[in-house]
N, C-alpha and C. Protein backbone atom coordinates (compact mmCIF):
# COMPACT_ATOMS: atom_id res chain seq x y z
N MET A 1 0.83 -1.20 0.00
CA MET A 1 0.00 0.00 0.00
C MET A 1 0.87 1.26 0.00
N LYS A 2 2.07 1.11 0.59
CA LYS A 2 2.98 2.26 0.63
C LYS A 2 3.34 2.71 -0.79
N ASN A 3 3.55 1.74 -1.70
CA ASN A 3 3.85 2.09 -3.09
C ASN A 3 2.72 2.87 -3.73
N CYS A 4 1.49 2.52 -3.39
CA CYS A 4 0.32 3.22 -3.94
C CYS A 4 0.36 4.69 -3.55
N TYR A 5 0.62 4.95 -2.27
CA TYR A 5 0.65 6.34 -1.81
C TYR A 5 1.83 7.10 -2.40
N GLN A 6 2.94 6.41 -2.59
CA GLN A 6 4.10 7.06 -3.21
C GLN A 6 3.80 7.42 -4.66
N ARG A 7 3.14 6.50 -5.40
CA ARG A 7 2.76 6.79 -6.79
C ARG A 7 1.80 7.97 -6.84
N ILE A 8 0.87 8.03 -5.89
CA ILE A 8 -0.09 9.12 -5.86
C ILE A 8 0.62 10.45 -5.61
N GLU A 9 1.61 10.44 -4.72
CA GLU A 9 2.36 11.68 -4.47
C GLU A 9 3.11 12.12 -5.72
N TYR A 10 3.72 11.18 -6.43
CA TYR A 10 4.40 11.52 -7.69
C TYR A 10 3.40 12.08 -8.71
N LEU A 11 2.23 11.46 -8.77
CA LEU A 11 1.18 11.96 -9.65
C LEU A 11 0.81 13.39 -9.29
N GLY A 12 0.74 13.68 -7.99
CA GLY A 12 0.44 15.04 -7.54
C GLY A 12 1.45 16.05 -8.04
N TYR A 13 2.73 15.72 -7.90
CA TYR A 13 3.77 16.63 -8.39
C TYR A 13 3.70 16.77 -9.92
N TYR A 14 3.44 15.66 -10.60
CA TYR A 14 3.30 15.69 -12.06
C TYR A 14 2.17 16.64 -12.48
N GLU A 15 1.02 16.54 -11.80
CA GLU A 15 -0.13 17.39 -12.12
C GLU A 15 0.21 18.87 -11.90
N ILE A 16 0.87 19.18 -10.79
CA ILE A 16 1.22 20.57 -10.49
C ILE A 16 2.20 21.12 -11.52
N ILE A 17 3.27 20.38 -11.77
CA ILE A 17 4.30 20.85 -12.71
C ILE A 17 3.71 20.98 -14.11
N GLY A 18 2.94 19.99 -14.54
CA GLY A 18 2.32 20.06 -15.87
C GLY A 18 1.38 21.24 -16.01
N GLY A 19 0.57 21.48 -14.98
CA GLY A 19 -0.37 22.60 -15.02
C GLY A 19 0.33 23.95 -15.06
N ILE A 20 1.34 24.11 -14.23
CA ILE A 20 2.08 25.38 -14.21
C ILE A 20 2.80 25.59 -15.54
N PHE A 21 3.44 24.53 -16.04
CA PHE A 21 4.14 24.65 -17.31
C PHE A 21 3.16 24.98 -18.44
N GLY A 22 2.00 24.33 -18.43
CA GLY A 22 1.00 24.59 -19.46
C GLY A 22 0.51 26.02 -19.46
N ILE A 23 0.20 26.55 -18.28
CA ILE A 23 -0.26 27.94 -18.18
C ILE A 23 0.84 28.89 -18.64
N SER A 24 2.07 28.65 -18.21
CA SER A 24 3.19 29.51 -18.61
C SER A 24 3.38 29.49 -20.12
N LEU A 25 3.33 28.31 -20.70
CA LEU A 25 3.51 28.16 -22.14
C LEU A 25 2.44 28.92 -22.91
N VAL A 26 1.22 28.82 -22.46
CA VAL A 26 0.12 29.50 -23.15
C VAL A 26 0.28 31.00 -23.08
N PHE A 27 0.55 31.54 -21.92
CA PHE A 27 0.66 32.99 -21.82
C PHE A 27 1.84 33.53 -22.61
N LEU A 28 2.90 32.77 -22.71
CA LEU A 28 4.02 33.22 -23.53
C LEU A 28 3.68 33.18 -25.02
N SER A 29 2.86 32.22 -25.43
CA SER A 29 2.56 32.09 -26.86
C SER A 29 1.37 32.92 -27.32
N VAL A 30 0.52 33.39 -26.42
CA VAL A 30 -0.69 34.10 -26.84
C VAL A 30 -0.72 35.56 -26.41
N TYR A 31 0.34 36.04 -25.84
CA TYR A 31 0.33 37.40 -25.32
C TYR A 31 -0.12 38.41 -26.38
N ASP A 32 0.33 38.25 -27.61
CA ASP A 32 -0.01 39.20 -28.67
C ASP A 32 -1.40 38.97 -29.26
N LYS A 33 -2.08 37.88 -28.90
CA LYS A 33 -3.39 37.56 -29.46
C LYS A 33 -4.55 37.88 -28.52
N LEU A 34 -4.27 38.51 -27.39
CA LEU A 34 -5.32 38.72 -26.39
C LEU A 34 -6.41 39.68 -26.85
N ASN A 35 -6.22 40.38 -27.95
CA ASN A 35 -7.27 41.25 -28.49
C ASN A 35 -8.13 40.51 -29.51
N SER A 36 -8.03 39.20 -29.57
CA SER A 36 -8.73 38.40 -30.57
C SER A 36 -10.21 38.29 -30.25
N ASP A 37 -10.88 37.48 -31.07
CA ASP A 37 -12.32 37.30 -30.94
C ASP A 37 -12.69 36.52 -29.67
N GLY A 38 -13.97 36.44 -29.42
CA GLY A 38 -14.49 35.80 -28.22
C GLY A 38 -14.17 34.32 -28.14
N PHE A 39 -14.14 33.62 -29.28
CA PHE A 39 -13.86 32.19 -29.27
C PHE A 39 -12.44 31.93 -28.77
N PHE A 40 -11.50 32.77 -29.18
CA PHE A 40 -10.12 32.61 -28.71
C PHE A 40 -10.05 32.80 -27.20
N ILE A 41 -10.72 33.84 -26.70
CA ILE A 41 -10.72 34.09 -25.25
C ILE A 41 -11.37 32.91 -24.52
N PHE A 42 -12.47 32.37 -25.07
CA PHE A 42 -13.12 31.20 -24.48
C PHE A 42 -12.15 30.02 -24.42
N SER A 43 -11.44 29.77 -25.52
CA SER A 43 -10.52 28.63 -25.55
C SER A 43 -9.37 28.84 -24.57
N LEU A 44 -8.90 30.06 -24.44
CA LEU A 44 -7.84 30.37 -23.48
C LEU A 44 -8.33 30.11 -22.05
N LEU A 45 -9.53 30.58 -21.73
CA LEU A 45 -10.08 30.37 -20.39
C LEU A 45 -10.30 28.89 -20.11
N LEU A 46 -10.74 28.15 -21.11
CA LEU A 46 -10.94 26.71 -20.94
C LEU A 46 -9.61 26.02 -20.63
N PHE A 47 -8.57 26.36 -21.37
CA PHE A 47 -7.27 25.75 -21.15
C PHE A 47 -6.74 26.09 -19.76
N VAL A 48 -6.82 27.35 -19.37
CA VAL A 48 -6.33 27.76 -18.06
C VAL A 48 -7.12 27.06 -16.95
N THR A 49 -8.44 26.90 -17.15
CA THR A 49 -9.26 26.19 -16.16
C THR A 49 -8.82 24.74 -16.03
N LEU A 50 -8.59 24.07 -17.16
CA LEU A 50 -8.15 22.67 -17.11
C LEU A 50 -6.77 22.55 -16.46
N CYS A 51 -5.88 23.49 -16.74
CA CYS A 51 -4.58 23.50 -16.07
C CYS A 51 -4.75 23.74 -14.57
N GLY A 52 -5.67 24.62 -14.21
CA GLY A 52 -5.96 24.89 -12.80
C GLY A 52 -6.48 23.65 -12.09
N ILE A 53 -7.34 22.88 -12.76
CA ILE A 53 -7.85 21.63 -12.18
C ILE A 53 -6.69 20.67 -11.94
N SER A 54 -5.77 20.61 -12.89
CA SER A 54 -4.60 19.75 -12.74
C SER A 54 -3.76 20.17 -11.53
N ILE A 55 -3.49 21.46 -11.42
CA ILE A 55 -2.70 21.96 -10.30
C ILE A 55 -3.40 21.68 -8.97
N TYR A 56 -4.70 21.97 -8.91
CA TYR A 56 -5.47 21.76 -7.68
C TYR A 56 -5.50 20.28 -7.30
N SER A 57 -5.67 19.40 -8.29
CA SER A 57 -5.68 17.97 -7.98
C SER A 57 -4.33 17.54 -7.43
N GLY A 58 -3.25 18.07 -7.99
CA GLY A 58 -1.92 17.75 -7.48
C GLY A 58 -1.74 18.21 -6.04
N ILE A 59 -2.22 19.40 -5.73
CA ILE A 59 -2.14 19.91 -4.36
C ILE A 59 -2.91 19.00 -3.41
N LEU A 60 -4.13 18.61 -3.81
CA LEU A 60 -4.94 17.71 -2.97
C LEU A 60 -4.23 16.38 -2.74
N LEU A 61 -3.61 15.84 -3.77
CA LEU A 61 -2.92 14.56 -3.63
C LEU A 61 -1.74 14.67 -2.68
N ILE A 62 -0.99 15.75 -2.77
CA ILE A 62 0.15 15.94 -1.87
C ILE A 62 -0.32 16.16 -0.44
N GLN A 63 -1.48 16.80 -0.28
CA GLN A 63 -2.06 17.02 1.06
C GLN A 63 -2.75 15.77 1.59
N LYS A 64 -2.65 14.65 0.87
CA LYS A 64 -3.22 13.37 1.25
C LYS A 64 -4.75 13.36 1.26
N LYS A 65 -5.36 14.21 0.45
CA LYS A 65 -6.81 14.18 0.23
C LYS A 65 -7.01 13.37 -1.04
N TYR A 66 -6.76 12.07 -0.90
CA TYR A 66 -6.57 11.19 -2.04
C TYR A 66 -7.78 11.07 -2.96
N LEU A 67 -8.93 10.75 -2.43
CA LEU A 67 -10.07 10.48 -3.32
C LEU A 67 -10.50 11.71 -4.11
N LYS A 68 -10.57 12.85 -3.45
CA LYS A 68 -10.95 14.08 -4.17
C LYS A 68 -9.88 14.44 -5.20
N GLY A 69 -8.61 14.32 -4.81
CA GLY A 69 -7.52 14.62 -5.73
C GLY A 69 -7.48 13.67 -6.92
N LEU A 70 -7.73 12.38 -6.66
CA LEU A 70 -7.74 11.41 -7.75
C LEU A 70 -8.91 11.64 -8.70
N ASN A 71 -10.06 12.03 -8.16
CA ASN A 71 -11.21 12.32 -9.03
C ASN A 71 -10.92 13.49 -9.96
N LEU A 72 -10.32 14.55 -9.42
CA LEU A 72 -9.99 15.71 -10.26
C LEU A 72 -8.86 15.37 -11.23
N SER A 73 -7.91 14.58 -10.79
CA SER A 73 -6.83 14.15 -11.68
C SER A 73 -7.39 13.30 -12.82
N PHE A 74 -8.37 12.45 -12.50
CA PHE A 74 -9.02 11.64 -13.53
C PHE A 74 -9.67 12.53 -14.58
N LEU A 75 -10.36 13.57 -14.13
CA LEU A 75 -10.98 14.53 -15.05
C LEU A 75 -9.93 15.21 -15.93
N ALA A 76 -8.85 15.67 -15.30
CA ALA A 76 -7.79 16.35 -16.06
C ALA A 76 -7.17 15.43 -17.10
N GLN A 77 -6.95 14.17 -16.76
CA GLN A 77 -6.36 13.24 -17.71
C GLN A 77 -7.35 12.81 -18.79
N ALA A 78 -8.61 12.65 -18.42
CA ALA A 78 -9.62 12.20 -19.39
C ALA A 78 -9.78 13.20 -20.53
N THR A 79 -9.61 14.49 -20.24
CA THR A 79 -9.74 15.50 -21.30
C THR A 79 -8.56 15.47 -22.27
N GLN A 80 -7.52 14.71 -21.92
CA GLN A 80 -6.32 14.67 -22.75
C GLN A 80 -6.20 13.40 -23.59
N VAL A 81 -7.12 12.47 -23.45
CA VAL A 81 -7.00 11.18 -24.14
C VAL A 81 -7.14 11.35 -25.65
N ILE A 82 -8.14 12.08 -26.09
CA ILE A 82 -8.42 12.21 -27.52
C ILE A 82 -8.24 13.66 -27.95
N SER A 83 -7.53 13.85 -29.05
CA SER A 83 -7.51 15.15 -29.71
C SER A 83 -7.89 14.90 -31.17
N PHE A 84 -8.45 15.92 -31.81
CA PHE A 84 -8.96 15.69 -33.16
C PHE A 84 -9.00 16.97 -33.98
N VAL A 85 -9.07 16.77 -35.29
CA VAL A 85 -9.40 17.81 -36.26
C VAL A 85 -10.58 17.24 -37.04
N LEU A 86 -11.71 17.95 -37.03
CA LEU A 86 -12.92 17.42 -37.65
C LEU A 86 -13.83 18.57 -38.04
N PHE A 87 -14.31 18.57 -39.28
CA PHE A 87 -15.24 19.59 -39.80
C PHE A 87 -14.73 21.02 -39.60
N GLY A 88 -13.42 21.20 -39.66
CA GLY A 88 -12.84 22.52 -39.51
C GLY A 88 -12.56 22.92 -38.07
N TYR A 89 -12.86 22.06 -37.12
CA TYR A 89 -12.60 22.34 -35.71
C TYR A 89 -11.40 21.54 -35.23
N ILE A 90 -10.66 22.14 -34.30
CA ILE A 90 -9.51 21.48 -33.71
C ILE A 90 -9.71 21.45 -32.20
N PHE A 91 -9.51 20.29 -31.60
CA PHE A 91 -9.40 20.18 -30.15
C PHE A 91 -8.12 19.41 -29.86
N ASP A 92 -7.18 20.09 -29.24
CA ASP A 92 -5.88 19.50 -28.91
C ASP A 92 -5.47 20.03 -27.56
N PHE A 93 -5.48 19.17 -26.55
CA PHE A 93 -5.15 19.60 -25.20
C PHE A 93 -4.29 18.54 -24.53
N ALA A 94 -3.14 18.95 -24.06
CA ALA A 94 -2.28 18.06 -23.28
C ALA A 94 -1.45 18.91 -22.34
N ILE A 95 -1.44 18.52 -21.09
CA ILE A 95 -0.53 19.14 -20.13
C ILE A 95 0.38 18.04 -19.61
N GLY A 96 1.58 18.38 -19.31
CA GLY A 96 2.55 17.36 -18.97
C GLY A 96 3.04 16.69 -20.24
N ILE A 97 3.50 15.49 -20.10
CA ILE A 97 4.07 14.74 -21.22
C ILE A 97 2.95 14.09 -22.02
N TYR A 98 3.06 14.15 -23.35
CA TYR A 98 2.12 13.40 -24.17
C TYR A 98 2.88 12.57 -25.20
N PHE A 99 2.32 11.40 -25.49
CA PHE A 99 2.82 10.51 -26.53
C PHE A 99 1.57 9.99 -27.23
N ARG A 100 1.40 10.38 -28.48
CA ARG A 100 0.15 10.10 -29.19
C ARG A 100 0.36 9.19 -30.39
N ILE A 101 -0.65 8.37 -30.59
CA ILE A 101 -0.78 7.63 -31.85
C ILE A 101 -1.71 8.48 -32.70
N THR A 102 -1.25 8.89 -33.87
CA THR A 102 -2.02 9.80 -34.71
C THR A 102 -2.52 9.08 -35.95
N THR A 103 -3.71 9.44 -36.36
CA THR A 103 -4.30 8.90 -37.58
C THR A 103 -4.89 10.06 -38.37
N GLU A 104 -4.40 10.25 -39.58
CA GLU A 104 -4.94 11.29 -40.47
C GLU A 104 -5.70 10.60 -41.59
N LEU A 105 -6.96 10.98 -41.73
CA LEU A 105 -7.83 10.35 -42.73
C LEU A 105 -8.20 11.39 -43.80
N THR A 106 -7.33 11.58 -44.74
CA THR A 106 -7.62 12.48 -45.87
C THR A 106 -7.76 11.59 -47.10
N ASN A 107 -6.99 11.84 -48.14
CA ASN A 107 -7.02 10.96 -49.31
C ASN A 107 -6.45 9.58 -48.97
N ASP A 108 -5.44 9.56 -48.13
CA ASP A 108 -4.83 8.33 -47.66
C ASP A 108 -4.97 8.28 -46.15
N THR A 109 -4.81 7.12 -45.59
CA THR A 109 -4.77 6.98 -44.14
C THR A 109 -3.31 7.00 -43.72
N ILE A 110 -2.96 7.97 -42.88
CA ILE A 110 -1.58 8.12 -42.43
C ILE A 110 -1.56 7.94 -40.92
N VAL A 111 -0.78 6.97 -40.47
CA VAL A 111 -0.65 6.69 -39.04
C VAL A 111 0.74 7.11 -38.61
N GLY A 112 0.84 7.76 -37.45
CA GLY A 112 2.13 8.21 -36.98
C GLY A 112 2.17 8.33 -35.48
N LEU A 113 3.26 8.89 -34.99
CA LEU A 113 3.47 9.12 -33.57
C LEU A 113 3.80 10.58 -33.35
N ASP A 114 3.40 11.09 -32.21
CA ASP A 114 3.64 12.49 -31.85
C ASP A 114 3.94 12.52 -30.36
N PHE A 115 4.95 13.28 -29.96
CA PHE A 115 5.23 13.39 -28.54
C PHE A 115 5.69 14.80 -28.23
N GLY A 116 5.55 15.18 -26.98
CA GLY A 116 5.96 16.50 -26.55
C GLY A 116 5.52 16.77 -25.13
N PHE A 117 5.53 18.04 -24.78
CA PHE A 117 5.19 18.46 -23.42
C PHE A 117 4.29 19.67 -23.51
N ALA A 118 3.08 19.55 -23.07
CA ALA A 118 2.07 20.61 -23.02
C ALA A 118 1.73 21.15 -24.41
N ASN A 119 0.48 20.99 -24.77
CA ASN A 119 0.01 21.46 -26.06
C ASN A 119 -1.44 21.90 -25.92
N TRP A 120 -1.82 22.92 -26.66
CA TRP A 120 -3.18 23.44 -26.56
C TRP A 120 -3.57 24.07 -27.89
N ASN A 121 -4.70 23.66 -28.41
CA ASN A 121 -5.27 24.29 -29.60
C ASN A 121 -6.76 23.98 -29.63
N LEU A 122 -7.55 24.99 -29.49
CA LEU A 122 -8.99 24.89 -29.66
C LEU A 122 -9.33 25.95 -30.68
N SER A 123 -9.70 25.50 -31.87
CA SER A 123 -9.85 26.43 -32.97
C SER A 123 -10.95 25.97 -33.91
N ARG A 124 -11.47 26.91 -34.66
CA ARG A 124 -12.44 26.57 -35.70
C ARG A 124 -11.96 27.06 -37.06
N SER A 125 -10.65 27.07 -37.22
CA SER A 125 -10.08 27.59 -38.47
C SER A 125 -9.29 26.53 -39.24
N ALA A 126 -9.54 25.27 -38.97
CA ALA A 126 -8.81 24.21 -39.68
C ALA A 126 -9.45 23.95 -41.04
N ASN A 127 -8.72 23.30 -41.90
CA ASN A 127 -9.23 22.89 -43.20
C ASN A 127 -10.35 21.88 -42.97
N PRO A 128 -11.57 22.14 -43.47
CA PRO A 128 -12.69 21.23 -43.21
C PRO A 128 -12.55 19.87 -43.89
N ASP A 129 -11.60 19.74 -44.81
CA ASP A 129 -11.40 18.46 -45.49
C ASP A 129 -10.48 17.52 -44.71
N ILE A 130 -9.84 18.02 -43.67
CA ILE A 130 -8.91 17.21 -42.89
C ILE A 130 -9.66 16.53 -41.74
N ILE A 131 -9.41 15.25 -41.59
CA ILE A 131 -9.92 14.50 -40.44
C ILE A 131 -8.71 13.85 -39.79
N GLU A 132 -8.53 14.14 -38.51
CA GLU A 132 -7.40 13.59 -37.78
C GLU A 132 -7.86 13.19 -36.39
N LEU A 133 -7.38 12.05 -35.93
CA LEU A 133 -7.70 11.56 -34.59
C LEU A 133 -6.41 11.14 -33.92
N ASN A 134 -6.20 11.61 -32.70
CA ASN A 134 -4.99 11.30 -31.95
C ASN A 134 -5.38 10.70 -30.60
N ILE A 135 -4.67 9.66 -30.19
CA ILE A 135 -4.91 9.01 -28.90
C ILE A 135 -3.65 9.19 -28.06
N ASN A 136 -3.80 9.79 -26.88
CA ASN A 136 -2.68 10.06 -25.98
C ASN A 136 -2.46 8.85 -25.07
N VAL A 137 -1.39 8.12 -25.32
CA VAL A 137 -1.08 6.90 -24.56
C VAL A 137 -0.73 7.23 -23.11
N VAL A 138 -0.01 8.32 -22.88
CA VAL A 138 0.37 8.70 -21.51
C VAL A 138 -0.88 8.96 -20.67
N ALA A 139 -1.86 9.66 -21.23
CA ALA A 139 -3.09 9.94 -20.49
C ALA A 139 -3.84 8.66 -20.16
N ILE A 140 -3.86 7.70 -21.08
CA ILE A 140 -4.53 6.42 -20.82
C ILE A 140 -3.83 5.67 -19.70
N ILE A 141 -2.51 5.63 -19.72
CA ILE A 141 -1.75 4.96 -18.66
C ILE A 141 -2.03 5.63 -17.31
N LEU A 142 -2.04 6.96 -17.29
CA LEU A 142 -2.32 7.67 -16.04
C LEU A 142 -3.75 7.43 -15.57
N LEU A 143 -4.71 7.35 -16.48
CA LEU A 143 -6.09 7.04 -16.09
C LEU A 143 -6.17 5.66 -15.44
N LEU A 144 -5.46 4.69 -16.00
CA LEU A 144 -5.45 3.35 -15.40
C LEU A 144 -4.81 3.36 -14.02
N LEU A 145 -3.71 4.10 -13.87
CA LEU A 145 -3.04 4.22 -12.58
C LEU A 145 -3.96 4.90 -11.56
N ILE A 146 -4.64 5.95 -11.99
CA ILE A 146 -5.55 6.67 -11.09
C ILE A 146 -6.69 5.76 -10.65
N ALA A 147 -7.29 5.03 -11.59
CA ALA A 147 -8.40 4.13 -11.25
C ALA A 147 -7.94 3.04 -10.29
N LYS A 148 -6.77 2.47 -10.54
CA LYS A 148 -6.24 1.42 -9.66
C LYS A 148 -5.98 1.98 -8.27
N SER A 149 -5.37 3.16 -8.19
CA SER A 149 -5.07 3.77 -6.90
C SER A 149 -6.35 4.09 -6.14
N ALA A 150 -7.35 4.62 -6.83
CA ALA A 150 -8.62 4.95 -6.18
C ALA A 150 -9.28 3.69 -5.64
N ASN A 151 -9.25 2.61 -6.40
CA ASN A 151 -9.83 1.35 -5.94
C ASN A 151 -9.10 0.81 -4.71
N GLN A 152 -7.78 0.92 -4.69
CA GLN A 152 -7.00 0.46 -3.54
C GLN A 152 -7.34 1.28 -2.30
N ILE A 153 -7.47 2.58 -2.46
CA ILE A 153 -7.77 3.44 -1.32
C ILE A 153 -9.19 3.17 -0.82
N LYS A 154 -10.14 3.01 -1.73
CA LYS A 154 -11.52 2.70 -1.32
C LYS A 154 -11.57 1.37 -0.58
N ALA A 155 -10.83 0.39 -1.06
CA ALA A 155 -10.80 -0.92 -0.38
C ALA A 155 -10.20 -0.80 1.01
N GLU A 156 -9.16 0.01 1.14
CA GLU A 156 -8.54 0.21 2.45
C GLU A 156 -9.48 0.94 3.41
N LEU A 157 -10.22 1.91 2.90
CA LEU A 157 -11.16 2.66 3.74
C LEU A 157 -12.34 1.80 4.19
N ASN A 158 -12.70 0.80 3.38
CA ASN A 158 -13.84 -0.06 3.71
C ASN A 158 -13.47 -1.22 4.63
N LYS A 159 -12.21 -1.34 5.02
CA LYS A 159 -11.79 -2.42 5.93
C LYS A 159 -12.37 -2.23 7.31
């Protein structure tokens, strides 16, 4: 059980660092676009909110408020599993490390890999003929770890 709590603490630090890095990255990259349209401001607020949830979940996990922290961490990771380009819209959100399996469905089917640290794009200006689906493997692994840890803690509390 000690390993479970240690993994949860590491997850907490990961959530905090990823959230802070994500917010910093966004503000550095969008400083000149803050006079943009309402959709851009909405997407910026959405990203900052999701980063805030990640940071808050990390703080809760470090403070040993495990179930609440794991629930929020689950939410933060679940929003990062799928990113897509579809009908001219883009949804791409990742904080922390991401490693994605990518599939582009245009004239040909192109499968690839993508990795990096913190990414954000919510837009309605993509080419409507492009269809792309990305699956974040890191987020899936973290979701499985979070679910396993939550089940272990619930089992321990029910003893």
